[in-house]
Amino acid sequence: MARANSSWVREELLHLLSVSATLSGLCITVVALMNAFAKEITTVSVVDDIFAICALLFLICMYLIFTALRMKNTHRLNNVVNLIDFLFLLAMTSMTLAGFVMVYTIW
């Protein structure tokens, strides 16, 4: 049972790794696009900052995933996986909210 659970966690982490990398790149792209807008709009600055923080959170998730993939201690691994899940969910939620703010106030 522990071996199947370990295999499932590894597969989950590998999927989260690719998704985190993709979403981090997307956030950085949005930050670059937001710099093309007029700087006098304060909402652009707020959305720009939120997407930059989201990109940072996704990058932190990537580093934690690399670390978790090499862990042997299952108790510590479970704690790191919970942290990764929390940071990933926080970054995705923030990214979604920033997207709504961007759509409804800028465009």
PDB file of N, CA and C in Angstrom:
ATOM      1  N   MET A   1       0.822  -1.194   0.000  1.00  0.00           N
ATOM      2  CA  MET A   1       0.000   0.000   0.000  1.00  0.00           C
ATOM      3  C   MET A   1       0.860   1.250   0.000  1.00  0.00           C
ATOM      4  N   ALA A   2       1.938   1.248   0.782  1.00  0.00           N
ATOM      5  CA  ALA A   2       2.810   2.417   0.854  1.00  0.00           C
ATOM      6  C   ALA A   2       3.500   2.664  -0.482  1.00  0.00           C
ATOM      7  N   ARG A   3       3.837   1.573  -1.183  1.00  0.00           N
ATOM      8  CA  ARG A   3       4.493   1.727  -2.474  1.00  0.00           C
ATOM      9  C   ARG A   3       3.547   2.330  -3.505  1.00  0.00           C
ATOM     10  N   ALA A   4       2.282   1.911  -3.520  1.00  0.00           N
ATOM     11  CA  ALA A   4       1.302   2.479  -4.445  1.00  0.00           C
ATOM     12  C   ALA A   4       1.055   3.942  -4.119  1.00  0.00           C
ATOM     13  N   ASN A   5       0.975   4.283  -2.823  1.00  0.00           N
ATOM     14  CA  ASN A   5       0.767   5.660  -2.411  1.00  0.00           C
ATOM     15  C   ASN A   5       1.961   6.521  -2.819  1.00  0.00           C
ATOM     16  N   SER A   6       3.160   5.988  -2.650  1.00  0.00           N
ATOM     17  CA  SER A   6       4.372   6.704  -3.031  1.00  0.00           C
ATOM     18  C   SER A   6       4.402   6.959  -4.535  1.00  0.00           C
ATOM     19  N   SER A   7       3.996   5.973  -5.296  1.00  0.00           N
ATOM     20  CA  SER A   7       3.946   6.122  -6.753  1.00  0.00           C
ATOM     21  C   SER A   7       2.914   7.166  -7.157  1.00  0.00           C
ATOM     22  N   TRP A   8       1.781   7.173  -6.482  1.00  0.00           N
ATOM     23  CA  TRP A   8       0.730   8.153  -6.778  1.00  0.00           C
ATOM     24  C   TRP A   8       1.204   9.564  -6.452  1.00  0.00           C
ATOM     25  N   VAL A   9       1.879   9.734  -5.320  1.00  0.00           N
ATOM     26  CA  VAL A   9       2.390  11.051  -4.925  1.00  0.00           C
ATOM     27  C   VAL A   9       3.419  11.529  -5.932  1.00  0.00           C
ATOM     28  N   ARG A  10       4.288  10.628  -6.380  1.00  0.00           N
ATOM     29  CA  ARG A  10       5.303  11.004  -7.368  1.00  0.00           C
ATOM     30  C   ARG A  10       4.648  11.454  -8.669  1.00  0.00           C
ATOM     31  N   GLU A  11       3.644  10.722  -9.122  1.00  0.00           N
ATOM     32  CA  GLU A  11       2.942  11.114 -10.350  1.00  0.00           C
ATOM     33  C   GLU A  11       2.248  12.470 -10.179  1.00  0.00           C
ATOM     34  N   GLU A  12       1.632  12.679  -9.026  1.00  0.00           N
ATOM     35  CA  GLU A  12       0.973  13.956  -8.756  1.00  0.00           C
ATOM     36  C   GLU A  12       1.985  15.096  -8.775  1.00  0.00           C
ATOM     37  N   LEU A  13       3.133  14.885  -8.165  1.00  0.00           N
ATOM     38  CA  LEU A  13       4.164  15.916  -8.132  1.00  0.00           C
ATOM     39  C   LEU A  13       4.704  16.214  -9.525  1.00  0.00           C
ATOM     40  N   LEU A  14       4.871  15.192 -10.338  1.00  0.00           N
ATOM     41  CA  LEU A  14       5.355  15.416 -11.700  1.00  0.00           C
ATOM     42  C   LEU A  14       4.350  16.214 -12.527  1.00  0.00           C
ATOM     43  N   HIS A  15       3.064  15.938 -12.339  1.00  0.00           N
ATOM     44  CA  HIS A  15       2.039  16.717 -13.044  1.00  0.00           C
ATOM     45  C   HIS A  15       2.018  18.158 -12.552  1.00  0.00           C
ATOM     46  N   LEU A  16       2.108  18.341 -11.238  1.00  0.00           N
ATOM     47  CA  LEU A  16       2.127  19.692 -10.681  1.00  0.00           C
ATOM     48  C   LEU A  16       3.365  20.464 -11.127  1.00  0.00           C
ATOM     49  N   LEU A  17       4.465  19.766 -11.340  1.00  0.00           N
ATOM     50  CA  LEU A  17       5.692  20.420 -11.787  1.00  0.00           C
ATOM     51  C   LEU A  17       5.495  21.054 -13.156  1.00  0.00           C
ATOM     52  N   SER A  18       4.936  20.312 -14.079  1.00  0.00           N
ATOM     53  CA  SER A  18       4.735  20.860 -15.428  1.00  0.00           C
ATOM     54  C   SER A  18       3.679  21.959 -15.435  1.00  0.00           C
ATOM     55  N   VAL A  19       2.625  21.787 -14.652  1.00  0.00           N
ATOM     56  CA  VAL A  19       1.579  22.814 -14.593  1.00  0.00           C
ATOM     57  C   VAL A  19       2.110  24.088 -13.932  1.00  0.00           C
ATOM     58  N   SER A  20       2.909  23.938 -12.887  1.00  0.00           N
ATOM     59  CA  SER A  20       3.482  25.107 -12.215  1.00  0.00           C
ATOM     60  C   SER A  20       4.410  25.874 -13.149  1.00  0.00           C
ATOM     61  N   ALA A  21       5.205  25.157 -13.914  1.00  0.00           N
ATOM     62  CA  ALA A  21       6.104  25.818 -14.863  1.00  0.00           C
ATOM     63  C   ALA A  21       5.314  26.573 -15.928  1.00  0.00           C
ATOM     64  N   THR A  22       4.264  25.956 -16.437  1.00  0.00           N
ATOM     65  CA  THR A  22       3.445  26.595 -17.461  1.00  0.00           C
ATOM     66  C   THR A  22       2.741  27.831 -16.916  1.00  0.00           C
ATOM     67  N   LEU A  23       2.149  27.718 -15.734  1.00  0.00           N
ATOM     68  CA  LEU A  23       1.434  28.855 -15.158  1.00  0.00           C
ATOM     69  C   LEU A  23       2.381  29.975 -14.749  1.00  0.00           C
ATOM     70  N   SER A  24       3.580  29.630 -14.334  1.00  0.00           N
ATOM     71  CA  SER A  24       4.573  30.655 -14.024  1.00  0.00           C
ATOM     72  C   SER A  24       4.929  31.441 -15.282  1.00  0.00           C
ATOM     73  N   GLY A  25       5.147  30.750 -16.374  1.00  0.00           N
ATOM     74  CA  GLY A  25       5.419  31.417 -17.649  1.00  0.00           C
ATOM     75  C   GLY A  25       4.256  32.274 -18.108  1.00  0.00           C
ATOM     76  N   LEU A  26       3.041  31.790 -17.895  1.00  0.00           N
ATOM     77  CA  LEU A  26       1.860  32.566 -18.263  1.00  0.00           C
ATOM     78  C   LEU A  26       1.768  33.842 -17.442  1.00  0.00           C
ATOM     79  N   CYS A  27       2.039  33.747 -16.147  1.00  0.00           N
ATOM     80  CA  CYS A  27       2.012  34.934 -15.276  1.00  0.00           C
ATOM     81  C   CYS A  27       3.063  35.948 -15.701  1.00  0.00           C
ATOM     82  N   ILE A  28       4.250  35.465 -16.033  1.00  0.00           N
ATOM     83  CA  ILE A  28       5.313  36.370 -16.477  1.00  0.00           C
ATOM     84  C   ILE A  28       4.939  37.034 -17.800  1.00  0.00           C
ATOM     85  N   THR A  29       4.268  36.303 -18.680  1.00  0.00           N
ATOM     86  CA  THR A  29       3.799  36.874 -19.940  1.00  0.00           C
ATOM     87  C   THR A  29       2.770  37.971 -19.690  1.00  0.00           C
ATOM     88  N   VAL A  30       1.861  37.729 -18.772  1.00  0.00           N
ATOM     89  CA  VAL A  30       0.855  38.739 -18.443  1.00  0.00           C
ATOM     90  C   VAL A  30       1.513  39.978 -17.851  1.00  0.00           C
ATOM     91  N   VAL A  31       2.514  39.796 -17.002  1.00  0.00           N
ATOM     92  CA  VAL A  31       3.237  40.940 -16.432  1.00  0.00           C
ATOM     93  C   VAL A  31       3.891  41.747 -17.547  1.00  0.00           C
ATOM     94  N   ALA A  32       4.479  41.069 -18.517  1.00  0.00           N
ATOM     95  CA  ALA A  32       5.105  41.773 -19.641  1.00  0.00           C
ATOM     96  C   ALA A  32       4.062  42.509 -20.473  1.00  0.00           C
ATOM     97  N   LEU A  33       2.902  41.899 -20.679  1.00  0.00           N
ATOM     98  CA  LEU A  33       1.842  42.561 -21.445  1.00  0.00           C
ATOM     99  C   LEU A  33       1.254  43.748 -20.699  1.00  0.00           C
ATOM    100  N   MET A  34       1.183  43.636 -19.383  1.00  0.00           N
ATOM    101  CA  MET A  34       0.623  44.730 -18.587  1.00  0.00           C
ATOM    102  C   MET A  34       1.517  45.965 -18.649  1.00  0.00           C
ATOM    103  N   ASN A  35       2.805  45.774 -18.876  1.00  0.00           N
ATOM    104  CA  ASN A  35       3.702  46.919 -19.003  1.00  0.00           C
ATOM    105  C   ASN A  35       3.443  47.712 -20.277  1.00  0.00           C
ATOM    106  N   ALA A  36       2.725  47.116 -21.229  1.00  0.00           N
ATOM    107  CA  ALA A  36       2.388  47.825 -22.456  1.00  0.00           C
ATOM    108  C   ALA A  36       1.230  48.800 -22.248  1.00  0.00           C
ATOM    109  N   PHE A  37       0.449  48.614 -21.172  1.00  0.00           N
ATOM    110  CA  PHE A  37      -0.667  49.515 -20.890  1.00  0.00           C
ATOM    111  C   PHE A  37      -0.170  50.811 -20.285  1.00  0.00           C
ATOM    112  N   ALA A  38      -1.054  51.781 -20.231  1.00  0.00           N
ATOM    113  CA  ALA A  38      -0.720  53.071 -19.622  1.00  0.00           C
ATOM    114  C   ALA A  38      -0.437  52.880 -18.137  1.00  0.00           C
ATOM    115  N   LYS A  39       0.617  53.510 -17.683  1.00  0.00           N
ATOM    116  CA  LYS A  39       1.019  53.349 -16.285  1.00  0.00           C
ATOM    117  C   LYS A  39       0.171  54.181 -15.334  1.00  0.00           C
ATOM    118  N   GLU A  40      -0.615  55.133 -15.843  1.00  0.00           N
ATOM    119  CA  GLU A  40      -1.414  55.953 -14.932  1.00  0.00           C
ATOM    120  C   GLU A  40      -2.630  55.222 -14.380  1.00  0.00           C
ATOM    121  N   ILE A  41      -2.966  54.102 -14.952  1.00  0.00           N
ATOM    122  CA  ILE A  41      -4.086  53.309 -14.434  1.00  0.00           C
ATOM    123  C   ILE A  41      -3.568  52.499 -13.245  1.00  0.00           C
ATOM    124  N   THR A  42      -4.106  52.765 -12.071  1.00  0.00           N
ATOM    125  CA  THR A  42      -3.613  52.083 -10.864  1.00  0.00           C
ATOM    126  C   THR A  42      -3.964  50.603 -10.862  1.00  0.00           C
ATOM    127  N   THR A  43      -5.066  50.244 -11.515  1.00  0.00           N
ATOM    128  CA  THR A  43      -5.462  48.843 -11.553  1.00  0.00           C
ATOM    129  C   THR A  43      -4.430  48.004 -12.303  1.00  0.00           C
ATOM    130  N   VAL A  44      -3.818  48.591 -13.327  1.00  0.00           N
ATOM    131  CA  VAL A  44      -2.781  47.874 -14.075  1.00  0.00           C
ATOM    132  C   VAL A  44      -1.639  47.520 -13.144  1.00  0.00           C
ATOM    133  N   SER A  45      -1.258  48.461 -12.294  1.00  0.00           N
ATOM    134  CA  SER A  45      -0.163  48.223 -11.361  1.00  0.00           C
ATOM    135  C   SER A  45      -0.517  47.128 -10.346  1.00  0.00           C
ATOM    136  N   VAL A  46      -1.738  47.148  -9.848  1.00  0.00           N
ATOM    137  CA  VAL A  46      -2.165  46.141  -8.872  1.00  0.00           C
ATOM    138  C   VAL A  46      -2.206  44.758  -9.516  1.00  0.00           C
ATOM    139  N   VAL A  47      -2.798  44.663 -10.694  1.00  0.00           N
ATOM    140  CA  VAL A  47      -2.888  43.377 -11.397  1.00  0.00           C
ATOM    141  C   VAL A  47      -1.489  42.886 -11.753  1.00  0.00           C
ATOM    142  N   ASP A  48      -0.641  43.796 -12.183  1.00  0.00           N
ATOM    143  CA  ASP A  48       0.736  43.464 -12.506  1.00  0.00           C
ATOM    144  C   ASP A  48       1.446  42.861 -11.291  1.00  0.00           C
ATOM    145  N   ASP A  49       1.272  43.472 -10.130  1.00  0.00           N
ATOM    146  CA  ASP A  49       1.906  42.974  -8.900  1.00  0.00           C
ATOM    147  C   ASP A  49       1.347  41.616  -8.491  1.00  0.00           C
ATOM    148  N   ILE A  50       0.041  41.434  -8.628  1.00  0.00           N
ATOM    149  CA  ILE A  50      -0.560  40.151  -8.248  1.00  0.00           C
ATOM    150  C   ILE A  50      -0.044  39.027  -9.144  1.00  0.00           C
ATOM    151  N   PHE A  51       0.030  39.282 -10.439  1.00  0.00           N
ATOM    152  CA  PHE A  51       0.554  38.254 -11.347  1.00  0.00           C
ATOM    153  C   PHE A  51       2.030  37.967 -11.085  1.00  0.00           C
ATOM    154  N   ALA A  52       2.796  38.982 -10.710  1.00  0.00           N
ATOM    155  CA  ALA A  52       4.207  38.762 -10.376  1.00  0.00           C
ATOM    156  C   ALA A  52       4.332  37.886  -9.125  1.00  0.00           C
ATOM    157  N   ILE A  53       3.484  38.134  -8.132  1.00  0.00           N
ATOM    158  CA  ILE A  53       3.495  37.302  -6.917  1.00  0.00           C
ATOM    159  C   ILE A  53       3.073  35.879  -7.245  1.00  0.00           C
ATOM    160  N   CYS A  54       2.078  35.728  -8.119  1.00  0.00           N
ATOM    161  CA  CYS A  54       1.649  34.388  -8.535  1.00  0.00           C
ATOM    162  C   CYS A  54       2.789  33.641  -9.230  1.00  0.00           C
ATOM    163  N   ALA A  55       3.514  34.339 -10.105  1.00  0.00           N
ATOM    164  CA  ALA A  55       4.657  33.710 -10.781  1.00  0.00           C
ATOM    165  C   ALA A  55       5.687  33.256  -9.760  1.00  0.00           C
ATOM    166  N   LEU A  56       5.936  34.087  -8.756  1.00  0.00           N
ATOM    167  CA  LEU A  56       6.879  33.716  -7.704  1.00  0.00           C
ATOM    168  C   LEU A  56       6.390  32.492  -6.931  1.00  0.00           C
ATOM    169  N   LEU A  57       5.101  32.441  -6.606  1.00  0.00           N
ATOM    170  CA  LEU A  57       4.558  31.290  -5.881  1.00  0.00           C
ATOM    171  C   LEU A  57       4.663  30.010  -6.710  1.00  0.00           C
ATOM    172  N   PHE A  58       4.394  30.110  -8.017  1.00  0.00           N
ATOM    173  CA  PHE A  58       4.533  28.928  -8.869  1.00  0.00           C
ATOM    174  C   PHE A  58       5.985  28.477  -8.950  1.00  0.00           C
ATOM    175  N   LEU A  59       6.930  29.426  -8.986  1.00  0.00           N
ATOM    176  CA  LEU A  59       8.344  29.056  -9.002  1.00  0.00           C
ATOM    177  C   LEU A  59       8.760  28.402  -7.689  1.00  0.00           C
ATOM    178  N   ILE A  60       8.246  28.905  -6.570  1.00  0.00           N
ATOM    179  CA  ILE A  60       8.527  28.269  -5.276  1.00  0.00           C
ATOM    180  C   ILE A  60       7.972  26.850  -5.257  1.00  0.00           C
ATOM    181  N   CYS A  61       6.776  26.672  -5.816  1.00  0.00           N
ATOM    182  CA  CYS A  61       6.203  25.316  -5.923  1.00  0.00           C
ATOM    183  C   CYS A  61       7.120  24.400  -6.721  1.00  0.00           C
ATOM    184  N   MET A  62       7.668  24.915  -7.812  1.00  0.00           N
ATOM    185  CA  MET A  62       8.566  24.099  -8.628  1.00  0.00           C
ATOM    186  C   MET A  62       9.783  23.646  -7.831  1.00  0.00           C
ATOM    187  N   TYR A  63      10.402  24.556  -7.088  1.00  0.00           N
ATOM    188  CA  TYR A  63      11.571  24.195  -6.290  1.00  0.00           C
ATOM    189  C   TYR A  63      11.211  23.190  -5.191  1.00  0.00           C
ATOM    190  N   LEU A  64      10.056  23.395  -4.566  1.00  0.00           N
ATOM    191  CA  LEU A  64       9.632  22.439  -3.533  1.00  0.00           C
ATOM    192  C   LEU A  64       9.323  21.072  -4.130  1.00  0.00           C
ATOM    193  N   ILE A  65       8.779  21.045  -5.330  1.00  0.00           N
ATOM    194  CA  ILE A  65       8.490  19.769  -5.988  1.00  0.00           C
ATOM    195  C   ILE A  65       9.787  19.026  -6.295  1.00  0.00           C
ATOM    196  N   PHE A  66      10.792  19.757  -6.814  1.00  0.00           N
ATOM    197  CA  PHE A  66      12.085  19.119  -7.052  1.00  0.00           C
ATOM    198  C   PHE A  66      12.649  18.530  -5.766  1.00  0.00           C
ATOM    199  N   THR A  67      12.509  19.275  -4.671  1.00  0.00           N
ATOM    200  CA  THR A  67      12.992  18.787  -3.383  1.00  0.00           C
ATOM    201  C   THR A  67      12.202  17.562  -2.928  1.00  0.00           C
ATOM    202  N   ALA A  68      10.882  17.617  -3.071  1.00  0.00           N
ATOM    203  CA  ALA A  68      10.029  16.518  -2.622  1.00  0.00           C
ATOM    204  C   ALA A  68      10.276  15.239  -3.418  1.00  0.00           C
ATOM    205  N   LEU A  69      10.593  15.375  -4.688  1.00  0.00           N
ATOM    206  CA  LEU A  69      10.839  14.188  -5.509  1.00  0.00           C
ATOM    207  C   LEU A  69      12.075  13.414  -5.056  1.00  0.00           C
ATOM    208  N   ARG A  70      12.955  14.057  -4.319  1.00  0.00           N
ATOM    209  CA  ARG A  70      14.176  13.409  -3.858  1.00  0.00           C
ATOM    210  C   ARG A  70      14.129  12.984  -2.399  1.00  0.00           C
ATOM    211  N   MET A  71      13.023  13.227  -1.732  1.00  0.00           N
ATOM    212  CA  MET A  71      12.906  12.897  -0.304  1.00  0.00           C
ATOM    213  C   MET A  71      12.630  11.415  -0.095  1.00  0.00           C
ATOM    214  N   LYS A  72      13.214  10.892   0.949  1.00  0.00           N
ATOM    215  CA  LYS A  72      12.983   9.494   1.330  1.00  0.00           C
ATOM    216  C   LYS A  72      12.099   9.391   2.571  1.00  0.00           C
ATOM    217  N   ASN A  73      12.158  10.387   3.441  1.00  0.00           N
ATOM    218  CA  ASN A  73      11.386  10.394   4.678  1.00  0.00           C
ATOM    219  C   ASN A  73       9.916  10.698   4.362  1.00  0.00           C
ATOM    220  N   THR A  74       9.024   9.738   4.598  1.00  0.00           N
ATOM    221  CA  THR A  74       7.627   9.897   4.199  1.00  0.00           C
ATOM    222  C   THR A  74       6.896  10.946   5.031  1.00  0.00           C
ATOM    223  N   HIS A  75       7.250  11.080   6.314  1.00  0.00           N
ATOM    224  CA  HIS A  75       6.586  12.090   7.148  1.00  0.00           C
ATOM    225  C   HIS A  75       6.926  13.491   6.650  1.00  0.00           C
ATOM    226  N   ARG A  76       8.183  13.735   6.385  1.00  0.00           N
ATOM    227  CA  ARG A  76       8.598  15.040   5.866  1.00  0.00           C
ATOM    228  C   ARG A  76       8.029  15.263   4.468  1.00  0.00           C
ATOM    229  N   LEU A  77       7.988  14.210   3.662  1.00  0.00           N
ATOM    230  CA  LEU A  77       7.432  14.310   2.312  1.00  0.00           C
ATOM    231  C   LEU A  77       5.969  14.730   2.364  1.00  0.00           C
ATOM    232  N   ASN A  78       5.197  14.132   3.272  1.00  0.00           N
ATOM    233  CA  ASN A  78       3.787  14.504   3.399  1.00  0.00           C
ATOM    234  C   ASN A  78       3.628  15.966   3.774  1.00  0.00           C
ATOM    235  N   ASN A  79       4.489  16.467   4.653  1.00  0.00           N
ATOM    236  CA  ASN A  79       4.422  17.881   5.033  1.00  0.00           C
ATOM    237  C   ASN A  79       4.747  18.789   3.855  1.00  0.00           C
ATOM    238  N   VAL A  80       5.765  18.416   3.081  1.00  0.00           N
ATOM    239  CA  VAL A  80       6.139  19.233   1.918  1.00  0.00           C
ATOM    240  C   VAL A  80       5.049  19.183   0.852  1.00  0.00           C
ATOM    241  N   VAL A  81       4.451  18.023   0.644  1.00  0.00           N
ATOM    242  CA  VAL A  81       3.361  17.907  -0.342  1.00  0.00           C
ATOM    243  C   VAL A  81       2.171  18.769   0.076  1.00  0.00           C
ATOM    244  N   ASN A  82       1.854  18.788   1.361  1.00  0.00           N
ATOM    245  CA  ASN A  82       0.771  19.662   1.833  1.00  0.00           C
ATOM    246  C   ASN A  82       1.101  21.131   1.602  1.00  0.00           C
ATOM    247  N   LEU A  83       2.354  21.509   1.827  1.00  0.00           N
ATOM    248  CA  LEU A  83       2.779  22.888   1.578  1.00  0.00           C
ATOM    249  C   LEU A  83       2.698  23.229   0.098  1.00  0.00           C
ATOM    250  N   ILE A  84       3.129  22.303  -0.743  1.00  0.00           N
ATOM    251  CA  ILE A  84       3.049  22.505  -2.197  1.00  0.00           C
ATOM    252  C   ILE A  84       1.604  22.683  -2.625  1.00  0.00           C
ATOM    253  N   ASP A  85       0.717  21.830  -2.134  1.00  0.00           N
ATOM    254  CA  ASP A  85      -0.699  21.938  -2.481  1.00  0.00           C
ATOM    255  C   ASP A  85      -1.272  23.284  -2.053  1.00  0.00           C
ATOM    256  N   PHE A  86      -0.924  23.732  -0.840  1.00  0.00           N
ATOM    257  CA  PHE A  86      -1.423  25.010  -0.350  1.00  0.00           C
ATOM    258  C   PHE A  86      -0.919  26.178  -1.204  1.00  0.00           C
ATOM    259  N   LEU A  87       0.387  26.201  -1.494  1.00  0.00           N
ATOM    260  CA  LEU A  87       0.948  27.290  -2.288  1.00  0.00           C
ATOM    261  C   LEU A  87       0.397  27.292  -3.707  1.00  0.00           C
ATOM    262  N   PHE A  88       0.238  26.102  -4.280  1.00  0.00           N
ATOM    263  CA  PHE A  88      -0.303  26.001  -5.640  1.00  0.00           C
ATOM    264  C   PHE A  88      -1.740  26.508  -5.681  1.00  0.00           C
ATOM    265  N   LEU A  89      -2.544  26.103  -4.705  1.00  0.00           N
ATOM    266  CA  LEU A  89      -3.933  26.559  -4.659  1.00  0.00           C
ATOM    267  C   LEU A  89      -4.012  28.063  -4.422  1.00  0.00           C
ATOM    268  N   LEU A  90      -3.163  28.588  -3.561  1.00  0.00           N
ATOM    269  CA  LEU A  90      -3.120  30.025  -3.304  1.00  0.00           C
ATOM    270  C   LEU A  90      -2.737  30.792  -4.564  1.00  0.00           C
ATOM    271  N   ALA A  91      -1.734  30.324  -5.276  1.00  0.00           N
ATOM    272  CA  ALA A  91      -1.297  30.988  -6.504  1.00  0.00           C
ATOM    273  C   ALA A  91      -2.376  30.923  -7.587  1.00  0.00           C
ATOM    274  N   MET A  92      -3.014  29.767  -7.735  1.00  0.00           N
ATOM    275  CA  MET A  92      -4.065  29.644  -8.748  1.00  0.00           C
ATOM    276  C   MET A  92      -5.266  30.520  -8.430  1.00  0.00           C
ATOM    277  N   THR A  93      -5.655  30.570  -7.164  1.00  0.00           N
ATOM    278  CA  THR A  93      -6.784  31.403  -6.758  1.00  0.00           C
ATOM    279  C   THR A  93      -6.457  32.876  -6.969  1.00  0.00           C
ATOM    280  N   SER A  94      -5.260  33.287  -6.585  1.00  0.00           N
ATOM    281  CA  SER A  94      -4.851  34.682  -6.782  1.00  0.00           C
ATOM    282  C   SER A  94      -4.788  35.034  -8.261  1.00  0.00           C
ATOM    283  N   MET A  95      -4.306  34.112  -9.052  1.00  0.00           N
ATOM    284  CA  MET A  95      -4.223  34.339 -10.502  1.00  0.00           C
ATOM    285  C   MET A  95      -5.614  34.490 -11.109  1.00  0.00           C
ATOM    286  N   THR A  96      -6.544  33.671 -10.668  1.00  0.00           N
ATOM    287  CA  THR A  96      -7.911  33.759 -11.167  1.00  0.00           C
ATOM    288  C   THR A  96      -8.558  35.080 -10.777  1.00  0.00           C
ATOM    289  N   LEU A  97      -8.386  35.480  -9.529  1.00  0.00           N
ATOM    290  CA  LEU A  97      -8.949  36.757  -9.078  1.00  0.00           C
ATOM    291  C   LEU A  97      -8.321  37.929  -9.815  1.00  0.00           C
ATOM    292  N   ALA A  98      -7.019  37.884 -10.028  1.00  0.00           N
ATOM    293  CA  ALA A  98      -6.349  38.946 -10.777  1.00  0.00           C
ATOM    294  C   ALA A  98      -6.830  38.983 -12.224  1.00  0.00           C
ATOM    295  N   GLY A  99      -7.106  37.822 -12.788  1.00  0.00           N
ATOM    296  CA  GLY A  99      -7.652  37.771 -14.146  1.00  0.00           C
ATOM    297  C   GLY A  99      -9.011  38.426 -14.232  1.00  0.00           C
ATOM    298  N   PHE A 100      -9.870  38.181 -13.238  1.00  0.00           N
ATOM    299  CA  PHE A 100     -11.177  38.831 -13.222  1.00  0.00           C
ATOM    300  C   PHE A 100     -11.037  40.339 -13.056  1.00  0.00           C
ATOM    301  N   VAL A 101     -10.152  40.778 -12.184  1.00  0.00           N
ATOM    302  CA  VAL A 101      -9.925  42.208 -12.004  1.00  0.00           C
ATOM    303  C   VAL A 101      -9.427  42.824 -13.314  1.00  0.00           C
ATOM    304  N   MET A 102      -8.531  42.138 -13.979  1.00  0.00           N
ATOM    305  CA  MET A 102      -7.990  42.636 -15.240  1.00  0.00           C
ATOM    306  C   MET A 102      -9.080  42.755 -16.307  1.00  0.00           C
ATOM    307  N   VAL A 103      -9.907  41.744 -16.419  1.00  0.00           N
ATOM    308  CA  VAL A 103     -10.948  41.757 -17.455  1.00  0.00           C
ATOM    309  C   VAL A 103     -12.006  42.817 -17.181  1.00  0.00           C
ATOM    310  N   TYR A 104     -12.424  42.960 -15.935  1.00  0.00           N
ATOM    311  CA  TYR A 104     -13.538  43.856 -15.637  1.00  0.00           C
ATOM    312  C   TYR A 104     -13.128  45.302 -15.414  1.00  0.00           C
ATOM    313  N   THR A 105     -11.862  45.594 -15.205  1.00  0.00           N
ATOM    314  CA  THR A 105     -11.478  46.989 -14.974  1.00  0.00           C
ATOM    315  C   THR A 105     -10.605  47.570 -16.061  1.00  0.00           C
ATOM    316  N   ILE A 106      -9.832  46.762 -16.733  1.00  0.00           N
ATOM    317  CA  ILE A 106      -8.891  47.289 -17.730  1.00  0.00           C
ATOM    318  C   ILE A 106      -9.484  47.228 -19.125  1.00  0.00           C
ATOM    319  N   TRP A 107     -10.127  46.116 -19.463  1.00  0.00           N
ATOM    320  CA  TRP A 107     -10.664  45.993 -20.821  1.00  0.00           C
ATOM    321  C   TRP A 107     -12.125  46.264 -20.853  1.00  0.00           C
TER     322      TRP A 107
END
